[in-house]
Amino acid sequence: MKIAVDAMGGDHAPKEIILGTNQALAEIPELEVLIFGDQEQINQYLTPNSRVEIIHSDEVILGTDEPVRAVRRKKQASMVMMAQAVADGKAEACVSAGNTGALMAAGLFIVGRIDGIQRPALAPTLPTVDGKGFVMLDLGANADAKPEHLVQYALMGSIYAEKVRGISSPKVGLLNIGTEEKKGNELTKGAFELLSQQTDLHFIGNVESRELLNGAADVIVTDGFTGNMVLKTLEGTALSIFSMLKSSLTSSFKAKIGAGLLKDELYKLKSKMDYTEYGGAGLFGLKAPVIKAHGSSNAHAFYNALKQAYSMAQANVPAMIQKAAAEGR
């Protein structure tokens, strides 16, 4: 299984990207990697391995670049070359921690959309209090959506949850302002009606945002505008809570003693609520797995994203989505 990697994308590239790649290669014997980026910088951190090939690139798509223009004009950028390798059949999947918009554009214009899927969706796995996590989509690929798009999101998320996360008959919920059937706006009312008609989905109805982290469903669907705000709210809340907790536990000598006793448990809690532990955000609906690792990924986070791409390719998730789309499901 060969995965393409953009070594130059992300806040800590290429060091953390390559260290994470080293870890994946060490733990997955069947994995082969094509690394795109500055060869001299990559070699500083890469552990020599016969299952690695470096393709040099001088160009980089920056976080400040306009996504579509950058993909069209920077043909030799590491991210663009990575996506092209997938499109040419030289790799089965790709991973980048770079510019999110540019990666979505590269996925759509270079890797290509699955026939029958109207809009790809950005889908990370988010944490729950029981540690199982849930898939949520769309979290920003498309600001607007129609009811039929949310049905396709549910289909893609359900296939991923079953085939990659190993959940039998995954529960699908529709994010809404209340659990009652008639709650919500025109989008959610229309989506509820269509989802209720899907015999191949385990649709459980509306789910309120306050129940997300309690594991109310295995798959949550919403429009990209709402989903992106939910993601950033969860991320910001978690960071604020841990910041306040740290401040409280270092406020006095007595508190510091208590913090020392609780140190291991606090680290476990922080790890449990870190969504990068589940991998990156998959761009579902494309002809091959395209994974967006968090921009601030360290080596461990990128390793998880790379492992996620490997699992999606191994389970042949895009082919399953294509089959379901062709059958009109």
C-alpha atoms as a PDB file:
ATOM      1  CA  MET A   1       0.000   0.000   0.000  1.00  0.00           C
ATOM      2  CA  LYS A   2       1.576   3.279  -1.143  1.00  0.00           C
ATOM      3  CA  ILE A   3       0.600   6.603   0.445  1.00  0.00           C
ATOM      4  CA  ALA A   4       1.660  10.054  -0.821  1.00  0.00           C
ATOM      5  CA  VAL A   5       2.741  12.617   1.793  1.00  0.00           C
ATOM      6  CA  ASP A   6       3.076  16.387   1.562  1.00  0.00           C
ATOM      7  CA  ALA A   7       6.153  17.002   3.729  1.00  0.00           C
ATOM      8  CA  MET A   8       5.969  20.790   3.535  1.00  0.00           C
ATOM      9  CA  GLY A   9       2.415  21.424   4.747  1.00  0.00           C
ATOM     10  CA  GLY A  10       1.665  22.407   8.344  1.00  0.00           C
ATOM     11  CA  ASP A  11       3.042  24.584  11.117  1.00  0.00           C
ATOM     12  CA  HIS A  12       5.839  22.149  12.021  1.00  0.00           C
ATOM     13  CA  ALA A  13       6.825  20.887   8.583  1.00  0.00           C
ATOM     14  CA  PRO A  14       8.857  19.092   7.552  1.00  0.00           C
ATOM     15  CA  LYS A  15      10.243  17.847  10.884  1.00  0.00           C
ATOM     16  CA  GLU A  16       7.051  16.589  12.559  1.00  0.00           C
ATOM     17  CA  ILE A  17       5.653  15.294   9.256  1.00  0.00           C
ATOM     18  CA  ILE A  18       8.721  13.149   8.638  1.00  0.00           C
ATOM     19  CA  LEU A  19       8.974  11.957  12.239  1.00  0.00           C
ATOM     20  CA  GLY A  20       5.347  10.860  12.054  1.00  0.00           C
ATOM     21  CA  THR A  21       6.028   9.121   8.757  1.00  0.00           C
ATOM     22  CA  ASN A  22       8.999   7.307  10.330  1.00  0.00           C
ATOM     23  CA  GLN A  23       6.703   6.025  13.061  1.00  0.00           C
ATOM     24  CA  ALA A  24       4.099   4.788  10.557  1.00  0.00           C
ATOM     25  CA  LEU A  25       6.734   2.997   8.500  1.00  0.00           C
ATOM     26  CA  ALA A  26       8.112   1.319  11.604  1.00  0.00           C
ATOM     27  CA  GLU A  27       4.704   0.070  12.722  1.00  0.00           C
ATOM     28  CA  ILE A  28       3.050  -0.821   9.385  1.00  0.00           C
ATOM     29  CA  PRO A  29       5.264  -3.266   7.433  1.00  0.00           C
ATOM     30  CA  GLU A  30       3.074  -3.136   4.301  1.00  0.00           C
ATOM     31  CA  LEU A  31       3.228   0.665   4.057  1.00  0.00           C
ATOM     32  CA  GLU A  32       5.202   2.413   1.308  1.00  0.00           C
ATOM     33  CA  VAL A  33       5.478   6.203   1.140  1.00  0.00           C
ATOM     34  CA  LEU A  34       6.062   8.799  -1.559  1.00  0.00           C
ATOM     35  CA  ILE A  35       7.267  11.997   0.126  1.00  0.00           C
ATOM     36  CA  PHE A  36       6.972  15.298  -1.731  1.00  0.00           C
ATOM     37  CA  GLY A  37       9.003  18.325  -0.652  1.00  0.00           C
ATOM     38  CA  ASP A  38      12.468  19.767  -0.162  1.00  0.00           C
ATOM     39  CA  GLN A  39      14.772  16.734  -0.288  1.00  0.00           C
ATOM     40  CA  GLU A  40      17.568  18.297   1.763  1.00  0.00           C
ATOM     41  CA  GLN A  41      15.224  19.232   4.606  1.00  0.00           C
ATOM     42  CA  ILE A  42      13.433  15.872   4.476  1.00  0.00           C
ATOM     43  CA  ASN A  43      16.681  13.912   4.728  1.00  0.00           C
ATOM     44  CA  GLN A  44      17.548  15.684   7.993  1.00  0.00           C
ATOM     45  CA  TYR A  45      14.738  13.780   9.756  1.00  0.00           C
ATOM     46  CA  LEU A  46      14.000  10.732   7.610  1.00  0.00           C
ATOM     47  CA  THR A  47      15.101   7.335   8.871  1.00  0.00           C
ATOM     48  CA  PRO A  48      16.606   5.491   5.862  1.00  0.00           C
ATOM     49  CA  ASN A  49      14.048   3.024   4.571  1.00  0.00           C
ATOM     50  CA  SER A  50      13.738   1.081   1.321  1.00  0.00           C
ATOM     51  CA  ARG A  51       9.961   1.676   1.371  1.00  0.00           C
ATOM     52  CA  VAL A  52      10.368   5.449   0.952  1.00  0.00           C
ATOM     53  CA  GLU A  53      10.822   7.525  -2.183  1.00  0.00           C
ATOM     54  CA  ILE A  54      11.437  11.276  -2.056  1.00  0.00           C
ATOM     55  CA  ILE A  55      10.223  13.454  -4.937  1.00  0.00           C
ATOM     56  CA  HIS A  56      11.870  16.866  -4.692  1.00  0.00           C
ATOM     57  CA  SER A  57       9.755  20.001  -4.850  1.00  0.00           C
ATOM     58  CA  ASP A  58      10.878  23.622  -4.436  1.00  0.00           C
ATOM     59  CA  GLU A  59       7.351  25.067  -4.333  1.00  0.00           C
ATOM     60  CA  VAL A  60       5.071  25.203  -1.298  1.00  0.00           C
ATOM     61  CA  ILE A  61       1.437  26.234  -0.962  1.00  0.00           C
ATOM     62  CA  LEU A  62       1.306  28.595   2.010  1.00  0.00           C
ATOM     63  CA  GLY A  63      -1.501  29.012   4.500  1.00  0.00           C
ATOM     64  CA  THR A  64      -2.000  32.557   3.188  1.00  0.00           C
ATOM     65  CA  ASP A  65      -2.386  31.471  -0.461  1.00  0.00           C
ATOM     66  CA  GLU A  66      -5.784  31.637  -2.143  1.00  0.00           C
ATOM     67  CA  PRO A  67      -6.600  27.905  -2.412  1.00  0.00           C
ATOM     68  CA  VAL A  68      -7.900  27.450  -5.972  1.00  0.00           C
ATOM     69  CA  ARG A  69      -5.434  29.902  -7.515  1.00  0.00           C
ATOM     70  CA  ALA A  70      -2.531  28.246  -5.693  1.00  0.00           C
ATOM     71  CA  VAL A  71      -3.476  24.756  -6.899  1.00  0.00           C
ATOM     72  CA  ARG A  72      -3.823  25.952 -10.484  1.00  0.00           C
ATOM     73  CA  ARG A  73      -0.644  28.034 -10.588  1.00  0.00           C
ATOM     74  CA  LYS A  74       1.767  26.124  -8.334  1.00  0.00           C
ATOM     75  CA  LYS A  75       1.899  22.924 -10.341  1.00  0.00           C
ATOM     76  CA  GLN A  76       5.212  21.895  -8.750  1.00  0.00           C
ATOM     77  CA  ALA A  77       4.086  22.520  -5.171  1.00  0.00           C
ATOM     78  CA  SER A  78       4.479  19.522  -2.862  1.00  0.00           C
ATOM     79  CA  MET A  79       0.731  19.319  -2.185  1.00  0.00           C
ATOM     80  CA  VAL A  80      -0.229  19.457  -5.861  1.00  0.00           C
ATOM     81  CA  MET A  81       2.388  16.852  -6.838  1.00  0.00           C
ATOM     82  CA  MET A  82       1.136  14.628  -4.009  1.00  0.00           C
ATOM     83  CA  ALA A  83      -2.464  14.788  -5.279  1.00  0.00           C
ATOM     84  CA  GLN A  84      -1.286  14.200  -8.857  1.00  0.00           C
ATOM     85  CA  ALA A  85       0.508  11.034  -7.765  1.00  0.00           C
ATOM     86  CA  VAL A  86      -2.821   9.685  -6.500  1.00  0.00           C
ATOM     87  CA  ALA A  87      -4.614  10.711  -9.681  1.00  0.00           C
ATOM     88  CA  ASP A  88      -1.916   8.966 -11.769  1.00  0.00           C
ATOM     89  CA  GLY A  89      -2.253   5.754  -9.779  1.00  0.00           C
ATOM     90  CA  LYS A  90       1.220   6.017  -8.230  1.00  0.00           C
ATOM     91  CA  ALA A  91      -0.284   6.119  -4.718  1.00  0.00           C
ATOM     92  CA  GLU A  92      -3.544   4.873  -3.216  1.00  0.00           C
ATOM     93  CA  ALA A  93      -4.122   7.818  -0.837  1.00  0.00           C
ATOM     94  CA  CYS A  94      -2.550  11.077   0.323  1.00  0.00           C
ATOM     95  CA  VAL A  95      -2.062  13.096   3.516  1.00  0.00           C
ATOM     96  CA  SER A  96      -1.244  16.760   4.118  1.00  0.00           C
ATOM     97  CA  ALA A  97      -1.263  19.121   7.098  1.00  0.00           C
ATOM     98  CA  GLY A  98      -1.180  22.133   4.773  1.00  0.00           C
ATOM     99  CA  ASN A  99      -3.699  24.736   3.593  1.00  0.00           C
ATOM    100  CA  THR A 100      -7.154  23.148   4.069  1.00  0.00           C
ATOM    101  CA  GLY A 101      -8.819  24.983   1.195  1.00  0.00           C
ATOM    102  CA  ALA A 102      -5.979  24.140  -1.171  1.00  0.00           C
ATOM    103  CA  LEU A 103      -6.104  20.461  -0.215  1.00  0.00           C
ATOM    104  CA  MET A 104      -9.851  20.392  -0.851  1.00  0.00           C
ATOM    105  CA  ALA A 105      -9.288  22.061  -4.227  1.00  0.00           C
ATOM    106  CA  ALA A 106      -6.496  19.609  -5.093  1.00  0.00           C
ATOM    107  CA  GLY A 107      -8.704  16.714  -4.069  1.00  0.00           C
ATOM    108  CA  LEU A 108     -11.639  17.919  -6.123  1.00  0.00           C
ATOM    109  CA  PHE A 109      -9.792  19.084  -9.256  1.00  0.00           C
ATOM    110  CA  ILE A 110      -6.916  16.570  -9.355  1.00  0.00           C
ATOM    111  CA  VAL A 111      -7.962  13.400  -7.506  1.00  0.00           C
ATOM    112  CA  GLY A 112     -11.551  13.853  -8.680  1.00  0.00           C
ATOM    113  CA  ARG A 113     -15.046  13.439  -7.299  1.00  0.00           C
ATOM    114  CA  ILE A 114     -16.901  10.119  -7.273  1.00  0.00           C
ATOM    115  CA  ASP A 115     -19.683   9.996  -9.869  1.00  0.00           C
ATOM    116  CA  GLY A 116     -23.028  10.401  -8.154  1.00  0.00           C
ATOM    117  CA  ILE A 117     -21.651  12.241  -5.123  1.00  0.00           C
ATOM    118  CA  GLN A 118     -22.785  15.825  -5.497  1.00  0.00           C
ATOM    119  CA  ARG A 119     -20.464  17.390  -2.928  1.00  0.00           C
ATOM    120  CA  PRO A 120     -17.484  16.011  -1.028  1.00  0.00           C
ATOM    121  CA  ALA A 121     -17.514  16.521   2.737  1.00  0.00           C
ATOM    122  CA  LEU A 122     -14.812  17.142   5.318  1.00  0.00           C
ATOM    123  CA  ALA A 123     -15.159  14.492   8.022  1.00  0.00           C
ATOM    124  CA  PRO A 124     -12.993  14.203  11.142  1.00  0.00           C
ATOM    125  CA  THR A 125     -13.595  11.772  13.976  1.00  0.00           C
ATOM    126  CA  LEU A 126     -14.268  13.732  17.165  1.00  0.00           C
ATOM    127  CA  PRO A 127     -13.862  12.539  20.773  1.00  0.00           C
ATOM    128  CA  THR A 128     -16.570  11.364  23.167  1.00  0.00           C
ATOM    129  CA  VAL A 129     -16.480  10.910  26.927  1.00  0.00           C
ATOM    130  CA  ASP A 130     -16.436   7.118  26.545  1.00  0.00           C
ATOM    131  CA  GLY A 131     -13.423   7.285  24.227  1.00  0.00           C
ATOM    132  CA  LYS A 132     -15.210   5.766  21.217  1.00  0.00           C
ATOM    133  CA  GLY A 133     -15.529   8.945  19.153  1.00  0.00           C
ATOM    134  CA  PHE A 134     -17.924   9.853  16.346  1.00  0.00           C
ATOM    135  CA  VAL A 135     -17.619  10.881  12.697  1.00  0.00           C
ATOM    136  CA  MET A 136     -19.040  14.305  11.833  1.00  0.00           C
ATOM    137  CA  LEU A 137     -19.583  15.770   8.385  1.00  0.00           C
ATOM    138  CA  ASP A 138     -19.540  18.244   6.732  1.00  0.00           C
ATOM    139  CA  LEU A 139     -17.161  20.377   8.776  1.00  0.00           C
ATOM    140  CA  GLY A 140     -16.278  22.958   6.184  1.00  0.00           C
ATOM    141  CA  ALA A 141     -15.948  21.649   2.634  1.00  0.00           C
ATOM    142  CA  ASN A 142     -19.236  23.346   1.640  1.00  0.00           C
ATOM    143  CA  ALA A 143     -20.818  26.224   3.544  1.00  0.00           C
ATOM    144  CA  ASP A 144     -24.268  25.529   2.107  1.00  0.00           C
ATOM    145  CA  ALA A 145     -26.108  22.259   1.631  1.00  0.00           C
ATOM    146  CA  LYS A 146     -29.394  20.793   0.485  1.00  0.00           C
ATOM    147  CA  PRO A 147     -31.274  17.949   2.194  1.00  0.00           C
ATOM    148  CA  GLU A 148     -30.075  15.433  -0.413  1.00  0.00           C
ATOM    149  CA  HIS A 149     -26.462  16.395   0.311  1.00  0.00           C
ATOM    150  CA  LEU A 150     -26.925  15.527   3.983  1.00  0.00           C
ATOM    151  CA  VAL A 151     -28.283  12.123   2.963  1.00  0.00           C
ATOM    152  CA  GLN A 152     -25.095  11.497   0.972  1.00  0.00           C
ATOM    153  CA  TYR A 153     -23.006  12.667   3.944  1.00  0.00           C
ATOM    154  CA  ALA A 154     -24.852  10.131   6.108  1.00  0.00           C
ATOM    155  CA  LEU A 155     -24.178   7.392   3.575  1.00  0.00           C
ATOM    156  CA  MET A 156     -20.455   8.166   3.349  1.00  0.00           C
ATOM    157  CA  GLY A 157     -20.037   8.564   7.082  1.00  0.00           C
ATOM    158  CA  SER A 158     -21.869   5.310   7.756  1.00  0.00           C
ATOM    159  CA  ILE A 159     -19.656   3.371   5.326  1.00  0.00           C
ATOM    160  CA  TYR A 160     -16.528   4.832   6.933  1.00  0.00           C
ATOM    161  CA  ALA A 161     -17.724   4.125  10.478  1.00  0.00           C
ATOM    162  CA  GLU A 162     -18.483   0.511   9.581  1.00  0.00           C
ATOM    163  CA  LYS A 163     -15.527  -0.374   7.369  1.00  0.00           C
ATOM    164  CA  VAL A 164     -12.726   1.620   9.014  1.00  0.00           C
ATOM    165  CA  ARG A 165     -13.884   2.140  12.596  1.00  0.00           C
ATOM    166  CA  GLY A 166     -15.429  -1.324  12.845  1.00  0.00           C
ATOM    167  CA  ILE A 167     -18.877  -0.229  14.057  1.00  0.00           C
ATOM    168  CA  SER A 168     -21.704  -2.560  13.100  1.00  0.00           C
ATOM    169  CA  SER A 169     -24.832  -0.724  11.907  1.00  0.00           C
ATOM    170  CA  PRO A 170     -23.545   2.721  12.943  1.00  0.00           C
ATOM    171  CA  LYS A 171     -26.118   5.110  14.384  1.00  0.00           C
ATOM    172  CA  VAL A 172     -26.639   8.211  12.228  1.00  0.00           C
ATOM    173  CA  GLY A 173     -27.912  11.442  13.773  1.00  0.00           C
ATOM    174  CA  LEU A 174     -28.947  14.779  12.261  1.00  0.00           C
ATOM    175  CA  LEU A 175     -27.588  17.814  14.126  1.00  0.00           C
ATOM    176  CA  ASN A 176     -30.523  20.025  15.102  1.00  0.00           C
ATOM    177  CA  ILE A 177     -31.771  22.477  17.727  1.00  0.00           C
ATOM    178  CA  GLY A 178     -34.110  19.878  19.227  1.00  0.00           C
ATOM    179  CA  THR A 179     -34.872  16.181  19.049  1.00  0.00           C
ATOM    180  CA  GLU A 180     -38.460  16.561  17.842  1.00  0.00           C
ATOM    181  CA  GLU A 181     -39.134  15.615  14.226  1.00  0.00           C
ATOM    182  CA  LYS A 182     -40.548  19.040  13.238  1.00  0.00           C
ATOM    183  CA  LYS A 183     -37.722  21.075  14.793  1.00  0.00           C
ATOM    184  CA  GLY A 184     -35.231  23.103  12.799  1.00  0.00           C
ATOM    185  CA  ASN A 185     -35.032  25.063   9.575  1.00  0.00           C
ATOM    186  CA  GLU A 186     -35.998  24.030   6.054  1.00  0.00           C
ATOM    187  CA  LEU A 187     -32.700  22.197   5.569  1.00  0.00           C
ATOM    188  CA  THR A 188     -32.979  20.010   8.657  1.00  0.00           C
ATOM    189  CA  LYS A 189     -36.702  19.350   8.182  1.00  0.00           C
ATOM    190  CA  GLY A 190     -36.097  18.254   4.588  1.00  0.00           C
ATOM    191  CA  ALA A 191     -33.068  16.175   5.554  1.00  0.00           C
ATOM    192  CA  PHE A 192     -35.005  14.485   8.383  1.00  0.00           C
ATOM    193  CA  GLU A 193     -37.719  13.413   5.962  1.00  0.00           C
ATOM    194  CA  LEU A 194     -35.244  12.011   3.435  1.00  0.00           C
ATOM    195  CA  LEU A 195     -33.091  10.287   6.056  1.00  0.00           C
ATOM    196  CA  SER A 196     -36.164   8.637   7.544  1.00  0.00           C
ATOM    197  CA  GLN A 197     -36.800   6.980   4.179  1.00  0.00           C
ATOM    198  CA  GLN A 198     -33.325   5.410   3.945  1.00  0.00           C
ATOM    199  CA  THR A 199     -33.659   1.693   4.660  1.00  0.00           C
ATOM    200  CA  ASP A 200     -29.877   1.122   4.485  1.00  0.00           C
ATOM    201  CA  LEU A 201     -29.064   3.651   7.229  1.00  0.00           C
ATOM    202  CA  HIS A 202     -29.569   3.314  10.977  1.00  0.00           C
ATOM    203  CA  PHE A 203     -31.038   6.811  11.337  1.00  0.00           C
ATOM    204  CA  ILE A 204     -31.876   7.666  14.956  1.00  0.00           C
ATOM    205  CA  GLY A 205     -33.311  11.153  14.351  1.00  0.00           C
ATOM    206  CA  ASN A 206     -32.269  14.606  15.503  1.00  0.00           C
ATOM    207  CA  VAL A 207     -29.365  15.102  17.913  1.00  0.00           C
ATOM    208  CA  GLU A 208     -28.716  18.282  19.903  1.00  0.00           C
ATOM    209  CA  SER A 209     -25.191  19.696  20.037  1.00  0.00           C
ATOM    210  CA  ARG A 210     -24.994  19.253  23.817  1.00  0.00           C
ATOM    211  CA  GLU A 211     -25.201  15.477  23.317  1.00  0.00           C
ATOM    212  CA  LEU A 212     -22.386  15.180  20.766  1.00  0.00           C
ATOM    213  CA  LEU A 213     -19.599  14.386  23.219  1.00  0.00           C
ATOM    214  CA  ASN A 214     -21.837  11.926  25.063  1.00  0.00           C
ATOM    215  CA  GLY A 215     -21.754   9.618  22.049  1.00  0.00           C
ATOM    216  CA  ALA A 216     -25.378  10.119  20.968  1.00  0.00           C
ATOM    217  CA  ALA A 217     -24.556   8.786  17.485  1.00  0.00           C
ATOM    218  CA  ASP A 218     -21.665   7.214  15.575  1.00  0.00           C
ATOM    219  CA  VAL A 219     -22.181   9.571  12.622  1.00  0.00           C
ATOM    220  CA  ILE A 220     -23.482  13.148  12.798  1.00  0.00           C
ATOM    221  CA  VAL A 221     -24.462  15.062   9.651  1.00  0.00           C
ATOM    222  CA  THR A 222     -24.876  18.795   9.161  1.00  0.00           C
ATOM    223  CA  ASP A 223     -24.041  21.554   6.677  1.00  0.00           C
ATOM    224  CA  GLY A 224     -20.450  22.750   6.443  1.00  0.00           C
ATOM    225  CA  PHE A 225     -21.131  26.195   7.908  1.00  0.00           C
ATOM    226  CA  THR A 226     -22.681  24.791  11.078  1.00  0.00           C
ATOM    227  CA  GLY A 227     -20.210  21.921  11.290  1.00  0.00           C
ATOM    228  CA  ASN A 228     -17.171  24.186  11.096  1.00  0.00           C
ATOM    229  CA  MET A 229     -18.507  26.388  13.884  1.00  0.00           C
ATOM    230  CA  VAL A 230     -19.186  23.311  16.034  1.00  0.00           C
ATOM    231  CA  LEU A 231     -15.631  22.039  15.456  1.00  0.00           C
ATOM    232  CA  LYS A 232     -14.021  25.351  16.380  1.00  0.00           C
ATOM    233  CA  THR A 233     -16.302  25.764  19.401  1.00  0.00           C
ATOM    234  CA  LEU A 234     -15.358  22.310  20.697  1.00  0.00           C
ATOM    235  CA  GLU A 235     -11.672  22.932  20.071  1.00  0.00           C
ATOM    236  CA  GLY A 236     -11.758  26.368  21.703  1.00  0.00           C
ATOM    237  CA  THR A 237     -13.747  25.135  24.703  1.00  0.00           C
ATOM    238  CA  ALA A 238     -11.331  22.262  25.305  1.00  0.00           C
ATOM    239  CA  LEU A 239      -8.316  24.584  25.136  1.00  0.00           C
ATOM    240  CA  SER A 240      -9.972  27.078  27.501  1.00  0.00           C
ATOM    241  CA  ILE A 241     -10.918  24.409  30.037  1.00  0.00           C
ATOM    242  CA  PHE A 242      -7.412  22.981  30.135  1.00  0.00           C
ATOM    243  CA  SER A 243      -5.961  26.491  30.388  1.00  0.00           C
ATOM    244  CA  MET A 244      -8.226  27.313  33.355  1.00  0.00           C
ATOM    245  CA  LEU A 245      -7.459  23.957  34.938  1.00  0.00           C
ATOM    246  CA  LYS A 246      -3.725  24.550  34.589  1.00  0.00           C
ATOM    247  CA  SER A 247      -4.080  28.007  36.111  1.00  0.00           C
ATOM    248  CA  SER A 248      -6.069  26.661  39.074  1.00  0.00           C
ATOM    249  CA  LEU A 249      -3.661  23.785  39.705  1.00  0.00           C
ATOM    250  CA  THR A 250      -0.640  26.076  39.815  1.00  0.00           C
ATOM    251  CA  SER A 251      -2.232  28.870  41.860  1.00  0.00           C
ATOM    252  CA  SER A 252      -0.846  27.755  45.220  1.00  0.00           C
ATOM    253  CA  PHE A 253       1.587  25.349  46.829  1.00  0.00           C
ATOM    254  CA  LYS A 254      -1.277  23.107  47.933  1.00  0.00           C
ATOM    255  CA  ALA A 255      -2.742  23.096  44.424  1.00  0.00           C
ATOM    256  CA  LYS A 256       0.634  22.173  42.956  1.00  0.00           C
ATOM    257  CA  ILE A 257       0.883  19.166  45.264  1.00  0.00           C
ATOM    258  CA  GLY A 258      -2.591  18.060  44.138  1.00  0.00           C
ATOM    259  CA  ALA A 259      -1.622  18.596  40.508  1.00  0.00           C
ATOM    260  CA  GLY A 260       1.423  16.393  40.992  1.00  0.00           C
ATOM    261  CA  LEU A 261      -0.736  13.593  42.337  1.00  0.00           C
ATOM    262  CA  LEU A 262      -3.214  13.962  39.458  1.00  0.00           C
ATOM    263  CA  LYS A 263      -0.630  14.461  36.699  1.00  0.00           C
ATOM    264  CA  ASP A 264      -0.990  11.059  35.032  1.00  0.00           C
ATOM    265  CA  GLU A 265      -4.796  11.175  35.110  1.00  0.00           C
ATOM    266  CA  LEU A 266      -4.843  14.694  33.687  1.00  0.00           C
ATOM    267  CA  TYR A 267      -2.627  13.642  30.802  1.00  0.00           C
ATOM    268  CA  LYS A 268      -4.973  10.721  30.124  1.00  0.00           C
ATOM    269  CA  LEU A 269      -7.949  13.092  30.113  1.00  0.00           C
ATOM    270  CA  LYS A 270      -6.232  15.502  27.736  1.00  0.00           C
ATOM    271  CA  SER A 271      -5.321  12.651  25.379  1.00  0.00           C
ATOM    272  CA  LYS A 272      -8.880  11.306  25.528  1.00  0.00           C
ATOM    273  CA  MET A 273     -10.316  14.648  24.371  1.00  0.00           C
ATOM    274  CA  ASP A 274      -7.707  15.220  21.636  1.00  0.00           C
ATOM    275  CA  TYR A 275      -9.356  14.559  18.258  1.00  0.00           C
ATOM    276  CA  THR A 276      -5.975  14.218  16.521  1.00  0.00           C
ATOM    277  CA  GLU A 277      -5.710  10.854  18.309  1.00  0.00           C
ATOM    278  CA  TYR A 278      -8.336   9.604  15.828  1.00  0.00           C
ATOM    279  CA  GLY A 279      -6.411  10.790  12.757  1.00  0.00           C
ATOM    280  CA  GLY A 280      -7.139  13.689  10.434  1.00  0.00           C
ATOM    281  CA  ALA A 281     -10.233  14.866   8.614  1.00  0.00           C
ATOM    282  CA  GLY A 282     -11.087  12.735   5.599  1.00  0.00           C
ATOM    283  CA  LEU A 283     -12.372  14.436   2.464  1.00  0.00           C
ATOM    284  CA  PHE A 284     -15.149  11.960   1.674  1.00  0.00           C
ATOM    285  CA  GLY A 285     -16.624  11.666  -1.795  1.00  0.00           C
ATOM    286  CA  LEU A 286     -13.362  11.611  -3.776  1.00  0.00           C
ATOM    287  CA  LYS A 287     -12.000   8.774  -5.899  1.00  0.00           C
ATOM    288  CA  ALA A 288      -9.228   8.066  -3.377  1.00  0.00           C
ATOM    289  CA  PRO A 289      -8.668   8.812   0.322  1.00  0.00           C
ATOM    290  CA  VAL A 290      -7.477  12.387   0.923  1.00  0.00           C
ATOM    291  CA  ILE A 291      -6.699  13.131   4.570  1.00  0.00           C
ATOM    292  CA  LYS A 292      -6.248  16.595   6.079  1.00  0.00           C
ATOM    293  CA  ALA A 293      -4.042  16.412   9.169  1.00  0.00           C
ATOM    294  CA  HIS A 294      -4.343  19.249  11.672  1.00  0.00           C
ATOM    295  CA  GLY A 295      -2.194  22.237  10.742  1.00  0.00           C
ATOM    296  CA  SER A 296      -0.380  22.123  14.083  1.00  0.00           C
ATOM    297  CA  SER A 297       0.191  18.359  13.929  1.00  0.00           C
ATOM    298  CA  ASN A 298       3.100  16.948  15.870  1.00  0.00           C
ATOM    299  CA  ALA A 299       4.685  13.639  14.861  1.00  0.00           C
ATOM    300  CA  HIS A 300       2.114  11.528  16.719  1.00  0.00           C
ATOM    301  CA  ALA A 301      -0.848  13.375  15.210  1.00  0.00           C
ATOM    302  CA  PHE A 302       0.546  13.017  11.698  1.00  0.00           C
ATOM    303  CA  TYR A 303       1.228   9.336  12.323  1.00  0.00           C
ATOM    304  CA  ASN A 304      -2.460   8.898  13.210  1.00  0.00           C
ATOM    305  CA  ALA A 305      -3.521  10.722  10.029  1.00  0.00           C
ATOM    306  CA  LEU A 306      -1.218   8.572   7.911  1.00  0.00           C
ATOM    307  CA  LYS A 307      -2.542   5.421   9.580  1.00  0.00           C
ATOM    308  CA  GLN A 308      -6.088   6.624   8.845  1.00  0.00           C
ATOM    309  CA  ALA A 309      -5.278   7.066   5.135  1.00  0.00           C
ATOM    310  CA  TYR A 310      -3.795   3.569   5.074  1.00  0.00           C
ATOM    311  CA  SER A 311      -6.901   2.074   6.711  1.00  0.00           C
ATOM    312  CA  MET A 312      -9.263   3.856   4.297  1.00  0.00           C
ATOM    313  CA  ALA A 313      -7.282   2.679   1.290  1.00  0.00           C
ATOM    314  CA  GLN A 314      -7.008  -0.844   2.655  1.00  0.00           C
ATOM    315  CA  ALA A 315     -10.784  -1.011   3.253  1.00  0.00           C
ATOM    316  CA  ASN A 316     -11.385   0.476  -0.225  1.00  0.00           C
ATOM    317  CA  VAL A 317     -13.851   3.018   1.194  1.00  0.00           C
ATOM    318  CA  PRO A 318     -14.071   5.178  -1.983  1.00  0.00           C
ATOM    319  CA  ALA A 319     -15.083   2.139  -4.064  1.00  0.00           C
ATOM    320  CA  MET A 320     -17.815   1.308  -1.547  1.00  0.00           C
ATOM    321  CA  ILE A 321     -19.103   4.881  -1.631  1.00  0.00           C
ATOM    322  CA  GLN A 322     -19.045   4.802  -5.435  1.00  0.00           C
ATOM    323  CA  LYS A 323     -21.029   1.546  -5.468  1.00  0.00           C
ATOM    324  CA  ALA A 324     -23.603   2.961  -3.057  1.00  0.00           C
ATOM    325  CA  ALA A 325     -23.902   6.170  -5.089  1.00  0.00           C
ATOM    326  CA  ALA A 326     -24.383   4.192  -8.308  1.00  0.00           C
ATOM    327  CA  GLU A 327     -27.191   2.227  -6.670  1.00  0.00           C
ATOM    328  CA  GLY A 328     -28.907   5.472  -5.789  1.00  0.00           C
ATOM    329  CA  ARG A 329     -28.623   4.975  -2.062  1.00  0.00           C
END
